[in-house]
Amino acid sequence: MSQSEDIYRRIAKVLGQVFDELPDEIGPKTSAMDIPAWDSLNHINVILALEMEFKIKFTSSQVQDVENVGEIADIITEKLARS
């Protein structure tokens, strides 16, 4: 399994912990629009859970600006490369 596949698998796991219902597939284009329960409060829950899962910290601008799972994966990949 590539690092990218592992990151997406772990993101999907986190989303499954935060939300009861998920689309059949979680991919780069998956966004809050695809998950009805993904509101502003649950966005913070997702970010906090991802920070714990990956042992990273998102900046406040990253938290505000991220639009889909692909962007989340890119941020995580970049942060893991620096650690």
PDB file of N, CA and C in Angstrom:
ATOM      1  N   MET A   1       0.841  -1.178   0.000  1.00  0.00           N
ATOM      2  CA  MET A   1       0.000   0.000   0.000  1.00  0.00           C
ATOM      3  C   MET A   1       0.889   1.246   0.000  1.00  0.00           C
ATOM      4  N   SER A   2       0.585   2.166  -0.895  1.00  0.00           N
ATOM      5  CA  SER A   2       1.374   3.398  -0.968  1.00  0.00           C
ATOM      6  C   SER A   2       1.016   4.324   0.191  1.00  0.00           C
ATOM      7  N   GLN A   3       1.862   5.314   0.427  1.00  0.00           N
ATOM      8  CA  GLN A   3       1.573   6.275   1.487  1.00  0.00           C
ATOM      9  C   GLN A   3       0.254   6.988   1.209  1.00  0.00           C
ATOM     10  N   SER A   4       0.018   7.337  -0.045  1.00  0.00           N
ATOM     11  CA  SER A   4      -1.213   8.023  -0.417  1.00  0.00           C
ATOM     12  C   SER A   4      -2.436   7.156  -0.111  1.00  0.00           C
ATOM     13  N   GLU A   5      -2.380   5.884  -0.470  1.00  0.00           N
ATOM     14  CA  GLU A   5      -3.491   4.964  -0.182  1.00  0.00           C
ATOM     15  C   GLU A   5      -3.714   4.840   1.318  1.00  0.00           C
ATOM     16  N   ASP A   6      -2.623   4.766   2.078  1.00  0.00           N
ATOM     17  CA  ASP A   6      -2.723   4.661   3.526  1.00  0.00           C
ATOM     18  C   ASP A   6      -3.363   5.923   4.115  1.00  0.00           C
ATOM     19  N   ILE A   7      -2.982   7.087   3.619  1.00  0.00           N
ATOM     20  CA  ILE A   7      -3.548   8.344   4.112  1.00  0.00           C
ATOM     21  C   ILE A   7      -5.049   8.381   3.829  1.00  0.00           C
ATOM     22  N   TYR A   8      -5.461   8.030   2.612  1.00  0.00           N
ATOM     23  CA  TYR A   8      -6.895   8.024   2.285  1.00  0.00           C
ATOM     24  C   TYR A   8      -7.647   6.997   3.136  1.00  0.00           C
ATOM     25  N   ARG A   9      -7.051   5.853   3.373  1.00  0.00           N
ATOM     26  CA  ARG A   9      -7.692   4.824   4.213  1.00  0.00           C
ATOM     27  C   ARG A   9      -7.901   5.362   5.622  1.00  0.00           C
ATOM     28  N   ARG A  10      -6.889   6.020   6.146  1.00  0.00           N
ATOM     29  CA  ARG A  10      -6.977   6.560   7.511  1.00  0.00           C
ATOM     30  C   ARG A  10      -7.945   7.739   7.585  1.00  0.00           C
ATOM     31  N   ILE A  11      -7.992   8.567   6.547  1.00  0.00           N
ATOM     32  CA  ILE A  11      -8.975   9.660   6.511  1.00  0.00           C
ATOM     33  C   ILE A  11     -10.382   9.071   6.493  1.00  0.00           C
ATOM     34  N   ALA A  12     -10.610   8.056   5.672  1.00  0.00           N
ATOM     35  CA  ALA A  12     -11.924   7.412   5.611  1.00  0.00           C
ATOM     36  C   ALA A  12     -12.301   6.812   6.964  1.00  0.00           C
ATOM     37  N   LYS A  13     -11.321   6.239   7.664  1.00  0.00           N
ATOM     38  CA  LYS A  13     -11.576   5.684   8.995  1.00  0.00           C
ATOM     39  C   LYS A  13     -12.032   6.787   9.948  1.00  0.00           C
ATOM     40  N   VAL A  14     -11.349   7.908   9.925  1.00  0.00           N
ATOM     41  CA  VAL A  14     -11.708   9.046  10.789  1.00  0.00           C
ATOM     42  C   VAL A  14     -13.107   9.550  10.437  1.00  0.00           C
ATOM     43  N   LEU A  15     -13.383   9.709   9.150  1.00  0.00           N
ATOM     44  CA  LEU A  15     -14.713  10.165   8.751  1.00  0.00           C
ATOM     45  C   LEU A  15     -15.788   9.192   9.225  1.00  0.00           C
ATOM     46  N   GLY A  16     -15.482   7.901   9.186  1.00  0.00           N
ATOM     47  CA  GLY A  16     -16.418   6.893   9.681  1.00  0.00           C
ATOM     48  C   GLY A  16     -16.660   6.993  11.176  1.00  0.00           C
ATOM     49  N   GLN A  17     -15.658   7.462  11.901  1.00  0.00           N
ATOM     50  CA  GLN A  17     -15.814   7.646  13.348  1.00  0.00           C
ATOM     51  C   GLN A  17     -16.658   8.880  13.660  1.00  0.00           C
ATOM     52  N   VAL A  18     -16.562   9.907  12.821  1.00  0.00           N
ATOM     53  CA  VAL A  18     -17.275  11.162  13.074  1.00  0.00           C
ATOM     54  C   VAL A  18     -18.709  11.113  12.546  1.00  0.00           C
ATOM     55  N   PHE A  19     -18.909  10.467  11.397  1.00  0.00           N
ATOM     56  CA  PHE A  19     -20.224  10.476  10.742  1.00  0.00           C
ATOM     57  C   PHE A  19     -20.833   9.079  10.707  1.00  0.00           C
ATOM     58  N   ASP A  20     -22.154   9.030  10.882  1.00  0.00           N
ATOM     59  CA  ASP A  20     -22.867   7.757  10.798  1.00  0.00           C
ATOM     60  C   ASP A  20     -23.018   7.287   9.358  1.00  0.00           C
ATOM     61  N   GLU A  21     -23.246   8.234   8.446  1.00  0.00           N
ATOM     62  CA  GLU A  21     -23.447   7.888   7.039  1.00  0.00           C
ATOM     63  C   GLU A  21     -22.369   8.524   6.173  1.00  0.00           C
ATOM     64  N   LEU A  22     -21.786   7.699   5.316  1.00  0.00           N
ATOM     65  CA  LEU A  22     -20.756   8.166   4.387  1.00  0.00           C
ATOM     66  C   LEU A  22     -21.103   7.710   2.977  1.00  0.00           C
ATOM     67  N   PRO A  23     -20.588   8.403   1.965  1.00  0.00           N
ATOM     68  CA  PRO A  23     -20.736   7.904   0.597  1.00  0.00           C
ATOM     69  C   PRO A  23     -20.042   6.537   0.477  1.00  0.00           C
ATOM     70  N   ASP A  24     -20.418   5.784  -0.553  1.00  0.00           N
ATOM     71  CA  ASP A  24     -19.818   4.458  -0.757  1.00  0.00           C
ATOM     72  C   ASP A  24     -18.309   4.529  -0.884  1.00  0.00           C
ATOM     73  N   GLU A  25     -17.820   5.600  -1.476  1.00  0.00           N
ATOM     74  CA  GLU A  25     -16.378   5.741  -1.671  1.00  0.00           C
ATOM     75  C   GLU A  25     -15.929   7.124  -1.220  1.00  0.00           C
ATOM     76  N   ILE A  26     -14.827   7.166  -0.494  1.00  0.00           N
ATOM     77  CA  ILE A  26     -14.219   8.424  -0.081  1.00  0.00           C
ATOM     78  C   ILE A  26     -13.013   8.649  -0.984  1.00  0.00           C
ATOM     79  N   GLY A  27     -13.031   9.726  -1.739  1.00  0.00           N
ATOM     80  CA  GLY A  27     -11.938  10.019  -2.648  1.00  0.00           C
ATOM     81  C   GLY A  27     -11.534  11.477  -2.563  1.00  0.00           C
ATOM     82  N   PRO A  28     -10.616  11.899  -3.410  1.00  0.00           N
ATOM     83  CA  PRO A  28     -10.095  13.264  -3.357  1.00  0.00           C
ATOM     84  C   PRO A  28     -11.168  14.342  -3.482  1.00  0.00           C
ATOM     85  N   LYS A  29     -12.206  14.087  -4.242  1.00  0.00           N
ATOM     86  CA  LYS A  29     -13.245  15.103  -4.478  1.00  0.00           C
ATOM     87  C   LYS A  29     -14.352  15.071  -3.422  1.00  0.00           C
ATOM     88  N   THR A  30     -14.334  14.104  -2.510  1.00  0.00           N
ATOM     89  CA  THR A  30     -15.353  14.041  -1.462  1.00  0.00           C
ATOM     90  C   THR A  30     -15.269  15.298  -0.608  1.00  0.00           C
ATOM     91  N   SER A  31     -16.422  15.930  -0.382  1.00  0.00           N
ATOM     92  CA  SER A  31     -16.450  17.179   0.388  1.00  0.00           C
ATOM     93  C   SER A  31     -17.632  17.174   1.347  1.00  0.00           C
ATOM     94  N   ALA A  32     -17.752  18.246   2.086  1.00  0.00           N
ATOM     95  CA  ALA A  32     -18.866  18.387   3.026  1.00  0.00           C
ATOM     96  C   ALA A  32     -20.208  18.303   2.298  1.00  0.00           C
ATOM     97  N   MET A  33     -20.241  18.680   1.040  1.00  0.00           N
ATOM     98  CA  MET A  33     -21.483  18.608   0.260  1.00  0.00           C
ATOM     99  C   MET A  33     -21.944  17.163   0.071  1.00  0.00           C
ATOM    100  N   ASP A  34     -21.021  16.220   0.156  1.00  0.00           N
ATOM    101  CA  ASP A  34     -21.340  14.800  -0.046  1.00  0.00           C
ATOM    102  C   ASP A  34     -21.779  14.106   1.235  1.00  0.00           C
ATOM    103  N   ILE A  35     -21.584  14.759   2.377  1.00  0.00           N
ATOM    104  CA  ILE A  35     -21.887  14.163   3.673  1.00  0.00           C
ATOM    105  C   ILE A  35     -22.807  15.132   4.419  1.00  0.00           C
ATOM    106  N   PRO A  36     -24.116  14.848   4.426  1.00  0.00           N
ATOM    107  CA  PRO A  36     -25.083  15.802   4.990  1.00  0.00           C
ATOM    108  C   PRO A  36     -24.765  16.278   6.412  1.00  0.00           C
ATOM    109  N   ALA A  37     -24.203  15.434   7.236  1.00  0.00           N
ATOM    110  CA  ALA A  37     -23.930  15.811   8.629  1.00  0.00           C
ATOM    111  C   ALA A  37     -22.652  16.639   8.785  1.00  0.00           C
ATOM    112  N   TRP A  38     -21.920  16.864   7.688  1.00  0.00           N
ATOM    113  CA  TRP A  38     -20.652  17.605   7.761  1.00  0.00           C
ATOM    114  C   TRP A  38     -20.950  19.096   7.782  1.00  0.00           C
ATOM    115  N   ASP A  39     -21.252  19.601   8.961  1.00  0.00           N
ATOM    116  CA  ASP A  39     -21.497  21.026   9.148  1.00  0.00           C
ATOM    117  C   ASP A  39     -20.269  21.643   9.806  1.00  0.00           C
ATOM    118  N   SER A  40     -20.374  22.911  10.200  1.00  0.00           N
ATOM    119  CA  SER A  40     -19.206  23.595  10.750  1.00  0.00           C
ATOM    120  C   SER A  40     -18.712  22.962  12.053  1.00  0.00           C
ATOM    121  N   LEU A  41     -19.627  22.513  12.889  1.00  0.00           N
ATOM    122  CA  LEU A  41     -19.218  21.864  14.137  1.00  0.00           C
ATOM    123  C   LEU A  41     -18.520  20.532  13.847  1.00  0.00           C
ATOM    124  N   ASN A  42     -19.104  19.733  12.969  1.00  0.00           N
ATOM    125  CA  ASN A  42     -18.472  18.458  12.641  1.00  0.00           C
ATOM    126  C   ASN A  42     -17.186  18.643  11.852  1.00  0.00           C
ATOM    127  N   HIS A  43     -17.043  19.770  11.169  1.00  0.00           N
ATOM    128  CA  HIS A  43     -15.772  20.056  10.485  1.00  0.00           C
ATOM    129  C   HIS A  43     -14.647  20.135  11.523  1.00  0.00           C
ATOM    130  N   ILE A  44     -14.921  20.805  12.630  1.00  0.00           N
ATOM    131  CA  ILE A  44     -13.931  20.895  13.711  1.00  0.00           C
ATOM    132  C   ILE A  44     -13.673  19.508  14.289  1.00  0.00           C
ATOM    133  N   ASN A  45     -14.720  18.702  14.457  1.00  0.00           N
ATOM    134  CA  ASN A  45     -14.541  17.336  14.958  1.00  0.00           C
ATOM    135  C   ASN A  45     -13.670  16.507  14.018  1.00  0.00           C
ATOM    136  N   VAL A  46     -13.873  16.673  12.715  1.00  0.00           N
ATOM    137  CA  VAL A  46     -13.057  15.955  11.717  1.00  0.00           C
ATOM    138  C   VAL A  46     -11.599  16.385  11.848  1.00  0.00           C
ATOM    139  N   ILE A  47     -11.367  17.684  11.906  1.00  0.00           N
ATOM    140  CA  ILE A  47      -9.993  18.200  12.002  1.00  0.00           C
ATOM    141  C   ILE A  47      -9.306  17.684  13.266  1.00  0.00           C
ATOM    142  N   LEU A  48      -9.997  17.768  14.400  1.00  0.00           N
ATOM    143  CA  LEU A  48      -9.411  17.295  15.658  1.00  0.00           C
ATOM    144  C   LEU A  48      -9.097  15.801  15.595  1.00  0.00           C
ATOM    145  N   ALA A  49     -10.018  15.025  15.028  1.00  0.00           N
ATOM    146  CA  ALA A  49      -9.796  13.579  14.918  1.00  0.00           C
ATOM    147  C   ALA A  49      -8.631  13.274  13.978  1.00  0.00           C
ATOM    148  N   LEU A  50      -8.515  14.035  12.888  1.00  0.00           N
ATOM    149  CA  LEU A  50      -7.380  13.847  11.966  1.00  0.00           C
ATOM    150  C   LEU A  50      -6.062  14.218  12.638  1.00  0.00           C
ATOM    151  N   GLU A  51      -6.074  15.288  13.425  1.00  0.00           N
ATOM    152  CA  GLU A  51      -4.858  15.672  14.143  1.00  0.00           C
ATOM    153  C   GLU A  51      -4.413  14.562  15.094  1.00  0.00           C
ATOM    154  N   MET A  52      -5.371  13.937  15.757  1.00  0.00           N
ATOM    155  CA  MET A  52      -5.015  12.843  16.669  1.00  0.00           C
ATOM    156  C   MET A  52      -4.549  11.607  15.897  1.00  0.00           C
ATOM    157  N   GLU A  53      -5.228  11.279  14.803  1.00  0.00           N
ATOM    158  CA  GLU A  53      -4.878  10.103  14.007  1.00  0.00           C
ATOM    159  C   GLU A  53      -3.470  10.215  13.423  1.00  0.00           C
ATOM    160  N   PHE A  54      -3.152  11.388  12.885  1.00  0.00           N
ATOM    161  CA  PHE A  54      -1.876  11.559  12.186  1.00  0.00           C
ATOM    162  C   PHE A  54      -0.803  12.235  13.033  1.00  0.00           C
ATOM    163  N   LYS A  55      -1.172  12.664  14.250  1.00  0.00           N
ATOM    164  CA  LYS A  55      -0.232  13.348  15.151  1.00  0.00           C
ATOM    165  C   LYS A  55       0.376  14.577  14.479  1.00  0.00           C
ATOM    166  N   ILE A  56      -0.529  15.402  13.925  1.00  0.00           N
ATOM    167  CA  ILE A  56      -0.148  16.648  13.263  1.00  0.00           C
ATOM    168  C   ILE A  56      -1.042  17.761  13.787  1.00  0.00           C
ATOM    169  N   LYS A  57      -0.752  18.989  13.381  1.00  0.00           N
ATOM    170  CA  LYS A  57      -1.590  20.144  13.711  1.00  0.00           C
ATOM    171  C   LYS A  57      -1.891  20.907  12.425  1.00  0.00           C
ATOM    172  N   PHE A  58      -3.163  21.200  12.192  1.00  0.00           N
ATOM    173  CA  PHE A  58      -3.559  22.051  11.082  1.00  0.00           C
ATOM    174  C   PHE A  58      -3.482  23.505  11.543  1.00  0.00           C
ATOM    175  N   THR A  59      -3.118  24.407  10.642  1.00  0.00           N
ATOM    176  CA  THR A  59      -3.165  25.835  10.967  1.00  0.00           C
ATOM    177  C   THR A  59      -4.622  26.297  10.853  1.00  0.00           C
ATOM    178  N   SER A  60      -4.924  27.429  11.445  1.00  0.00           N
ATOM    179  CA  SER A  60      -6.303  27.929  11.372  1.00  0.00           C
ATOM    180  C   SER A  60      -6.707  28.212   9.923  1.00  0.00           C
ATOM    181  N   SER A  61      -5.795  28.698   9.104  1.00  0.00           N
ATOM    182  CA  SER A  61      -6.148  28.950   7.699  1.00  0.00           C
ATOM    183  C   SER A  61      -6.392  27.639   6.948  1.00  0.00           C
ATOM    184  N   GLN A  62      -5.635  26.596   7.258  1.00  0.00           N
ATOM    185  CA  GLN A  62      -5.884  25.302   6.639  1.00  0.00           C
ATOM    186  C   GLN A  62      -7.262  24.774   7.027  1.00  0.00           C
ATOM    187  N   VAL A  63      -7.623  24.938   8.296  1.00  0.00           N
ATOM    188  CA  VAL A  63      -8.931  24.484   8.775  1.00  0.00           C
ATOM    189  C   VAL A  63     -10.041  25.214   8.020  1.00  0.00           C
ATOM    190  N   GLN A  64      -9.878  26.497   7.804  1.00  0.00           N
ATOM    191  CA  GLN A  64     -10.901  27.306   7.137  1.00  0.00           C
ATOM    192  C   GLN A  64     -10.941  27.081   5.636  1.00  0.00           C
ATOM    193  N   ASP A  65      -9.790  26.880   5.018  1.00  0.00           N
ATOM    194  CA  ASP A  65      -9.705  26.880   3.557  1.00  0.00           C
ATOM    195  C   ASP A  65      -9.904  25.518   2.900  1.00  0.00           C
ATOM    196  N   VAL A  66      -9.744  24.437   3.642  1.00  0.00           N
ATOM    197  CA  VAL A  66      -9.817  23.109   3.037  1.00  0.00           C
ATOM    198  C   VAL A  66     -11.227  22.852   2.492  1.00  0.00           C
ATOM    199  N   GLU A  67     -11.283  22.347   1.247  1.00  0.00           N
ATOM    200  CA  GLU A  67     -12.582  22.170   0.596  1.00  0.00           C
ATOM    201  C   GLU A  67     -12.963  20.723   0.325  1.00  0.00           C
ATOM    202  N   ASN A  68     -11.984  19.809   0.342  1.00  0.00           N
ATOM    203  CA  ASN A  68     -12.330  18.412   0.063  1.00  0.00           C
ATOM    204  C   ASN A  68     -11.259  17.482   0.645  1.00  0.00           C
ATOM    205  N   VAL A  69     -11.528  16.201   0.539  1.00  0.00           N
ATOM    206  CA  VAL A  69     -10.630  15.196   1.108  1.00  0.00           C
ATOM    207  C   VAL A  69      -9.266  15.226   0.433  1.00  0.00           C
ATOM    208  N   GLY A  70      -9.228  15.532  -0.855  1.00  0.00           N
ATOM    209  CA  GLY A  70      -7.950  15.617  -1.558  1.00  0.00           C
ATOM    210  C   GLY A  70      -7.047  16.687  -0.970  1.00  0.00           C
ATOM    211  N   GLU A  71      -7.636  17.845  -0.636  1.00  0.00           N
ATOM    212  CA  GLU A  71      -6.847  18.918  -0.026  1.00  0.00           C
ATOM    213  C   GLU A  71      -6.392  18.513   1.381  1.00  0.00           C
ATOM    214  N   ILE A  72      -7.258  17.832   2.110  1.00  0.00           N
ATOM    215  CA  ILE A  72      -6.876  17.334   3.435  1.00  0.00           C
ATOM    216  C   ILE A  72      -5.699  16.373   3.302  1.00  0.00           C
ATOM    217  N   ALA A  73      -5.780  15.448   2.346  1.00  0.00           N
ATOM    218  CA  ALA A  73      -4.704  14.473   2.138  1.00  0.00           C
ATOM    219  C   ALA A  73      -3.401  15.168   1.756  1.00  0.00           C
ATOM    220  N   ASP A  74      -3.490  16.209   0.920  1.00  0.00           N
ATOM    221  CA  ASP A  74      -2.286  16.948   0.525  1.00  0.00           C
ATOM    222  C   ASP A  74      -1.621  17.606   1.733  1.00  0.00           C
ATOM    223  N   ILE A  75      -2.430  18.222   2.601  1.00  0.00           N
ATOM    224  CA  ILE A  75      -1.890  18.871   3.806  1.00  0.00           C
ATOM    225  C   ILE A  75      -1.232  17.835   4.708  1.00  0.00           C
ATOM    226  N   ILE A  76      -1.912  16.696   4.895  1.00  0.00           N
ATOM    227  CA  ILE A  76      -1.362  15.647   5.749  1.00  0.00           C
ATOM    228  C   ILE A  76      -0.059  15.127   5.166  1.00  0.00           C
ATOM    229  N   THR A  77      -0.021  14.870   3.871  1.00  0.00           N
ATOM    230  CA  THR A  77       1.196  14.370   3.204  1.00  0.00           C
ATOM    231  C   THR A  77       2.352  15.340   3.416  1.00  0.00           C
ATOM    232  N   GLU A  78       2.073  16.636   3.232  1.00  0.00           N
ATOM    233  CA  GLU A  78       3.104  17.648   3.398  1.00  0.00           C
ATOM    234  C   GLU A  78       3.613  17.683   4.844  1.00  0.00           C
ATOM    235  N   LYS A  79       2.700  17.617   5.804  1.00  0.00           N
ATOM    236  CA  LYS A  79       3.102  17.678   7.205  1.00  0.00           C
ATOM    237  C   LYS A  79       3.875  16.424   7.625  1.00  0.00           C
ATOM    238  N   LEU A  80       3.480  15.265   7.111  1.00  0.00           N
ATOM    239  CA  LEU A  80       4.198  14.029   7.459  1.00  0.00           C
ATOM    240  C   LEU A  80       5.595  14.020   6.851  1.00  0.00           C
ATOM    241  N   ALA A  81       5.735  14.626   5.667  1.00  0.00           N
ATOM    242  CA  ALA A  81       7.047  14.683   5.007  1.00  0.00           C
ATOM    243  C   ALA A  81       8.023  15.544   5.804  1.00  0.00           C
ATOM    244  N   ARG A  82       7.490  16.536   6.519  1.00  0.00           N
ATOM    245  CA  ARG A  82       8.333  17.442   7.299  1.00  0.00           C
ATOM    246  C   ARG A  82       8.689  16.892   8.676  1.00  0.00           C
ATOM    247  N   SER A  83       7.971  15.867   9.102  1.00  0.00           N
ATOM    248  CA  SER A  83       8.225  15.359  10.470  1.00  0.00           C
ATOM    249  C   SER A  83       9.254  14.249  10.487  1.00  0.00           C
TER     250      SER A  83
END
